Amino acid sequence: MTTPRFGHLPDGEAPAEGAESFATLLAEAGVVVERIASHRAASPEGFWYDQPSAEFVFLARGSATLAFADGTERVMAAGDWAVLPAGCRHRVEATSAEALWLAVHLPPA
């Protein structure tokens, strides 16, 4: 018999200003679910995420701006979500002091 696990998304490590903290909530069958807490964070200058698989992100709290390699930006507020396809070059341009994300990384196609 397997035992269910429970949690509360806001519980977890609070990052220092300018940083993010990552916690894996689930890793199974190639799917990884992460809690990401951001405190006025941004990706390093010139850095781009370019992942081999699709990612679903949900901003549960705060605000954030995602930047894309084509020069576009998307401002996100609490409750917004995005699907970032594999190979979609993006970066975190900025977050509010208490931004909280739920990220689901899918296995490569």
N, C-alpha and C. Protein backbone atom coordinates (compact mmCIF):
# COMPACT_ATOMS: atom_id res chain seq x y z
N MET A 1 0.85 -1.19 0.00
CA MET A 1 0.00 0.00 0.00
C MET A 1 0.89 1.25 0.00
N THR A 2 0.56 2.17 -0.85
CA THR A 2 1.31 3.42 -0.91
C THR A 2 0.61 4.46 -0.03
N THR A 3 1.43 5.32 0.52
CA THR A 3 0.90 6.36 1.40
C THR A 3 0.83 7.68 0.64
N PRO A 4 -0.32 8.34 0.64
CA PRO A 4 -0.39 9.64 -0.04
C PRO A 4 0.48 10.67 0.68
N ARG A 5 0.94 11.65 -0.09
CA ARG A 5 1.70 12.76 0.48
C ARG A 5 0.88 14.03 0.31
N PHE A 6 1.02 14.94 1.24
CA PHE A 6 0.30 16.20 1.20
C PHE A 6 1.28 17.34 1.49
N GLY A 7 0.93 18.52 1.04
CA GLY A 7 1.76 19.69 1.31
C GLY A 7 0.97 20.96 1.13
N HIS A 8 1.62 22.05 1.39
CA HIS A 8 1.03 23.38 1.25
C HIS A 8 2.03 24.23 0.49
N LEU A 9 1.68 24.65 -0.73
CA LEU A 9 2.63 25.31 -1.62
C LEU A 9 3.39 26.47 -0.98
N PRO A 10 2.75 27.34 -0.18
CA PRO A 10 3.51 28.44 0.41
C PRO A 10 4.56 28.01 1.43
N ASP A 11 4.46 26.79 1.96
CA ASP A 11 5.45 26.33 2.92
C ASP A 11 6.74 25.98 2.21
N GLY A 12 7.85 26.41 2.76
CA GLY A 12 9.13 26.08 2.16
C GLY A 12 10.13 27.19 2.37
N GLU A 13 11.32 26.96 1.86
CA GLU A 13 12.42 27.89 2.03
C GLU A 13 12.13 29.23 1.35
N ALA A 14 12.39 30.31 2.08
CA ALA A 14 12.27 31.66 1.53
C ALA A 14 13.65 32.07 1.03
N PRO A 15 13.77 32.47 -0.22
CA PRO A 15 15.09 32.84 -0.75
C PRO A 15 15.53 34.23 -0.30
N ALA A 16 16.82 34.45 -0.36
CA ALA A 16 17.38 35.78 -0.11
C ALA A 16 16.97 36.70 -1.25
N GLU A 17 17.04 38.00 -1.01
CA GLU A 17 16.71 38.95 -2.07
C GLU A 17 17.62 38.74 -3.27
N GLY A 18 17.00 38.74 -4.46
CA GLY A 18 17.73 38.53 -5.69
C GLY A 18 17.91 37.06 -6.05
N ALA A 19 17.32 36.18 -5.26
CA ALA A 19 17.53 34.74 -5.47
C ALA A 19 16.21 34.00 -5.60
N GLU A 20 16.34 32.72 -5.92
CA GLU A 20 15.21 31.81 -5.99
C GLU A 20 15.56 30.54 -5.23
N SER A 21 14.53 29.88 -4.68
CA SER A 21 14.74 28.57 -4.08
C SER A 21 13.84 27.57 -4.80
N PHE A 22 14.38 26.38 -5.01
CA PHE A 22 13.70 25.33 -5.77
C PHE A 22 13.49 24.13 -4.86
N ALA A 23 12.30 23.54 -4.92
CA ALA A 23 12.02 22.31 -4.18
C ALA A 23 11.25 21.38 -5.10
N THR A 24 11.75 20.17 -5.27
CA THR A 24 11.04 19.18 -6.07
C THR A 24 9.94 18.57 -5.22
N LEU A 25 8.70 18.71 -5.69
CA LEU A 25 7.55 18.16 -4.98
C LEU A 25 7.24 16.75 -5.45
N LEU A 26 7.54 16.47 -6.70
CA LEU A 26 7.25 15.16 -7.28
C LEU A 26 8.18 14.94 -8.47
N ALA A 27 8.73 13.76 -8.56
CA ALA A 27 9.52 13.36 -9.73
C ALA A 27 9.16 11.91 -10.01
N GLU A 28 8.37 11.72 -11.07
CA GLU A 28 7.89 10.37 -11.37
C GLU A 28 7.57 10.26 -12.86
N ALA A 29 7.96 9.13 -13.45
CA ALA A 29 7.66 8.84 -14.86
C ALA A 29 8.11 9.96 -15.79
N GLY A 30 9.23 10.59 -15.47
CA GLY A 30 9.76 11.65 -16.32
C GLY A 30 9.15 13.01 -16.10
N VAL A 31 8.17 13.12 -15.22
CA VAL A 31 7.54 14.40 -14.89
C VAL A 31 8.15 14.92 -13.60
N VAL A 32 8.51 16.20 -13.58
CA VAL A 32 9.05 16.83 -12.37
C VAL A 32 8.18 18.02 -12.04
N VAL A 33 7.68 18.06 -10.80
CA VAL A 33 6.88 19.18 -10.32
C VAL A 33 7.71 19.91 -9.28
N GLU A 34 7.89 21.22 -9.50
CA GLU A 34 8.73 22.03 -8.62
C GLU A 34 7.95 23.18 -8.00
N ARG A 35 8.34 23.52 -6.78
CA ARG A 35 7.93 24.76 -6.13
C ARG A 35 9.11 25.71 -6.29
N ILE A 36 8.87 26.89 -6.85
CA ILE A 36 9.93 27.87 -7.02
C ILE A 36 9.50 29.16 -6.31
N ALA A 37 10.28 29.57 -5.33
CA ALA A 37 10.04 30.83 -4.64
C ALA A 37 11.07 31.84 -5.14
N SER A 38 10.60 33.02 -5.51
CA SER A 38 11.48 34.06 -6.05
C SER A 38 11.35 35.33 -5.22
N HIS A 39 12.47 35.97 -4.95
CA HIS A 39 12.47 37.22 -4.18
C HIS A 39 13.22 38.29 -4.98
N ARG A 40 12.47 39.06 -5.74
CA ARG A 40 13.06 40.10 -6.61
C ARG A 40 14.22 39.50 -7.43
N ALA A 41 13.92 38.38 -8.05
CA ALA A 41 14.95 37.63 -8.78
C ALA A 41 14.88 37.89 -10.28
N ALA A 42 15.99 37.65 -10.94
CA ALA A 42 16.08 37.72 -12.40
C ALA A 42 17.17 36.75 -12.84
N SER A 43 16.99 36.21 -14.04
CA SER A 43 18.04 35.36 -14.62
C SER A 43 19.29 36.21 -14.83
N PRO A 44 20.47 35.61 -14.73
CA PRO A 44 21.70 36.37 -14.98
C PRO A 44 21.68 36.98 -16.39
N GLU A 45 22.29 38.11 -16.54
CA GLU A 45 22.37 38.80 -17.84
C GLU A 45 22.94 37.84 -18.89
N GLY A 46 22.25 37.73 -20.01
CA GLY A 46 22.71 36.88 -21.09
C GLY A 46 22.35 35.41 -20.96
N PHE A 47 21.76 35.01 -19.83
CA PHE A 47 21.38 33.61 -19.63
C PHE A 47 19.99 33.35 -20.19
N TRP A 48 19.82 32.22 -20.86
CA TRP A 48 18.53 31.80 -21.41
C TRP A 48 18.26 30.35 -21.02
N TYR A 49 17.06 30.09 -20.53
CA TYR A 49 16.61 28.71 -20.39
C TYR A 49 16.31 28.21 -21.80
N ASP A 50 16.76 27.02 -22.12
CA ASP A 50 16.50 26.40 -23.42
C ASP A 50 16.36 24.90 -23.14
N GLN A 51 15.20 24.53 -22.69
CA GLN A 51 14.97 23.20 -22.15
C GLN A 51 14.56 22.19 -23.22
N PRO A 52 14.94 20.92 -23.02
CA PRO A 52 14.64 19.89 -24.01
C PRO A 52 13.19 19.38 -23.96
N SER A 53 12.44 19.86 -22.98
CA SER A 53 11.04 19.42 -22.86
C SER A 53 10.14 20.59 -22.51
N ALA A 54 8.85 20.38 -22.68
CA ALA A 54 7.87 21.43 -22.37
C ALA A 54 7.77 21.64 -20.86
N GLU A 55 7.40 22.86 -20.50
CA GLU A 55 7.24 23.22 -19.09
C GLU A 55 5.94 24.01 -18.94
N PHE A 56 5.17 23.66 -17.92
CA PHE A 56 3.98 24.41 -17.54
C PHE A 56 4.34 25.16 -16.26
N VAL A 57 4.12 26.48 -16.26
CA VAL A 57 4.37 27.26 -15.04
C VAL A 57 3.09 27.98 -14.64
N PHE A 58 2.84 28.00 -13.34
CA PHE A 58 1.69 28.67 -12.76
C PHE A 58 2.22 29.61 -11.69
N LEU A 59 1.90 30.90 -11.80
CA LEU A 59 2.33 31.88 -10.81
C LEU A 59 1.23 31.97 -9.75
N ALA A 60 1.48 31.38 -8.59
CA ALA A 60 0.48 31.31 -7.53
C ALA A 60 0.40 32.59 -6.71
N ARG A 61 1.53 33.31 -6.62
CA ARG A 61 1.56 34.52 -5.79
C ARG A 61 2.56 35.50 -6.40
N GLY A 62 2.27 36.77 -6.27
CA GLY A 62 3.19 37.81 -6.71
C GLY A 62 3.05 38.15 -8.19
N SER A 63 4.11 38.70 -8.73
CA SER A 63 4.15 39.06 -10.15
C SER A 63 5.53 38.74 -10.71
N ALA A 64 5.58 38.63 -12.03
CA ALA A 64 6.84 38.29 -12.69
C ALA A 64 6.78 38.72 -14.14
N THR A 65 7.94 38.89 -14.72
CA THR A 65 8.04 39.18 -16.15
C THR A 65 8.96 38.13 -16.77
N LEU A 66 8.45 37.47 -17.80
CA LEU A 66 9.26 36.53 -18.58
C LEU A 66 9.67 37.22 -19.86
N ALA A 67 10.92 37.04 -20.26
CA ALA A 67 11.43 37.59 -21.52
C ALA A 67 11.75 36.42 -22.44
N PHE A 68 11.58 36.65 -23.74
CA PHE A 68 11.80 35.61 -24.74
C PHE A 68 12.86 36.08 -25.74
N ALA A 69 13.52 35.11 -26.36
CA ALA A 69 14.64 35.39 -27.27
C ALA A 69 14.22 36.25 -28.46
N ASP A 70 12.93 36.24 -28.81
CA ASP A 70 12.47 37.06 -29.94
C ASP A 70 12.25 38.53 -29.55
N GLY A 71 12.57 38.87 -28.29
CA GLY A 71 12.44 40.25 -27.83
C GLY A 71 11.13 40.57 -27.14
N THR A 72 10.18 39.64 -27.12
CA THR A 72 8.91 39.89 -26.44
C THR A 72 9.04 39.62 -24.95
N GLU A 73 8.14 40.23 -24.20
CA GLU A 73 8.06 40.01 -22.76
C GLU A 73 6.61 39.74 -22.39
N ARG A 74 6.41 39.02 -21.30
CA ARG A 74 5.07 38.75 -20.81
C ARG A 74 5.06 39.04 -19.31
N VAL A 75 4.23 40.01 -18.90
CA VAL A 75 4.06 40.31 -17.49
C VAL A 75 2.99 39.36 -16.95
N MET A 76 3.30 38.72 -15.84
CA MET A 76 2.38 37.75 -15.24
C MET A 76 1.98 38.21 -13.85
N ALA A 77 0.73 37.93 -13.49
CA ALA A 77 0.20 38.23 -12.17
C ALA A 77 -0.25 36.91 -11.54
N ALA A 78 -0.47 36.95 -10.24
CA ALA A 78 -0.93 35.75 -9.53
C ALA A 78 -2.14 35.17 -10.24
N GLY A 79 -2.10 33.87 -10.48
CA GLY A 79 -3.18 33.18 -11.18
C GLY A 79 -2.88 32.92 -12.65
N ASP A 80 -1.88 33.60 -13.20
CA ASP A 80 -1.51 33.40 -14.61
C ASP A 80 -0.67 32.14 -14.76
N TRP A 81 -0.77 31.52 -15.93
CA TRP A 81 0.04 30.34 -16.24
C TRP A 81 0.53 30.43 -17.67
N ALA A 82 1.54 29.63 -17.97
CA ALA A 82 2.10 29.61 -19.33
C ALA A 82 2.58 28.19 -19.63
N VAL A 83 2.51 27.83 -20.90
CA VAL A 83 3.12 26.59 -21.39
C VAL A 83 4.29 27.01 -22.26
N LEU A 84 5.49 26.59 -21.86
CA LEU A 84 6.71 26.93 -22.58
C LEU A 84 7.15 25.68 -23.33
N PRO A 85 7.02 25.68 -24.65
CA PRO A 85 7.38 24.50 -25.43
C PRO A 85 8.87 24.18 -25.32
N ALA A 86 9.22 22.94 -25.61
CA ALA A 86 10.63 22.55 -25.66
C ALA A 86 11.37 23.49 -26.61
N GLY A 87 12.55 23.92 -26.22
CA GLY A 87 13.35 24.79 -27.07
C GLY A 87 12.95 26.26 -27.06
N CYS A 88 11.97 26.63 -26.25
CA CYS A 88 11.54 28.03 -26.16
C CYS A 88 12.53 28.78 -25.26
N ARG A 89 13.41 29.57 -25.89
CA ARG A 89 14.41 30.30 -25.11
C ARG A 89 13.72 31.43 -24.35
N HIS A 90 13.88 31.37 -23.03
CA HIS A 90 13.24 32.36 -22.16
C HIS A 90 14.11 32.62 -20.94
N ARG A 91 13.77 33.69 -20.26
CA ARG A 91 14.47 34.04 -19.02
C ARG A 91 13.50 34.75 -18.09
N VAL A 92 13.82 34.75 -16.81
CA VAL A 92 13.04 35.52 -15.84
C VAL A 92 13.65 36.92 -15.83
N GLU A 93 12.87 37.88 -16.27
CA GLU A 93 13.35 39.26 -16.32
C GLU A 93 13.27 39.91 -14.95
N ALA A 94 12.20 39.62 -14.20
CA ALA A 94 12.03 40.19 -12.87
C ALA A 94 10.90 39.47 -12.15
N THR A 95 10.97 39.47 -10.82
CA THR A 95 9.86 38.97 -10.00
C THR A 95 9.63 39.92 -8.84
N SER A 96 8.45 39.83 -8.26
CA SER A 96 8.16 40.59 -7.05
C SER A 96 8.86 39.94 -5.86
N ALA A 97 8.73 40.54 -4.70
CA ALA A 97 9.44 40.07 -3.51
C ALA A 97 9.00 38.68 -3.05
N GLU A 98 7.74 38.33 -3.28
CA GLU A 98 7.26 37.04 -2.77
C GLU A 98 6.59 36.22 -3.87
N ALA A 99 7.21 36.18 -5.04
CA ALA A 99 6.64 35.40 -6.15
C ALA A 99 6.76 33.91 -5.81
N LEU A 100 5.71 33.18 -6.14
CA LEU A 100 5.68 31.75 -5.87
C LEU A 100 5.12 31.03 -7.10
N TRP A 101 5.89 30.10 -7.63
CA TRP A 101 5.57 29.38 -8.85
C TRP A 101 5.33 27.90 -8.56
N LEU A 102 4.53 27.29 -9.41
CA LEU A 102 4.45 25.84 -9.51
C LEU A 102 4.87 25.53 -10.94
N ALA A 103 5.92 24.74 -11.09
CA ALA A 103 6.42 24.39 -12.43
C ALA A 103 6.31 22.89 -12.64
N VAL A 104 5.80 22.51 -13.81
CA VAL A 104 5.68 21.11 -14.17
C VAL A 104 6.51 20.89 -15.43
N HIS A 105 7.58 20.11 -15.30
CA HIS A 105 8.45 19.78 -16.41
C HIS A 105 8.02 18.43 -16.97
N LEU A 106 7.68 18.39 -18.25
CA LEU A 106 7.24 17.16 -18.89
C LEU A 106 8.43 16.41 -19.46
N PRO A 107 8.28 15.09 -19.64
CA PRO A 107 9.41 14.36 -20.24
C PRO A 107 9.59 14.78 -21.69
N PRO A 108 10.82 14.67 -22.21
CA PRO A 108 11.04 15.01 -23.62
C PRO A 108 10.15 14.16 -24.54
N ALA A 109 9.70 14.76 -25.63
CA ALA A 109 8.80 14.05 -26.56
C ALA A 109 9.52 12.96 -27.29
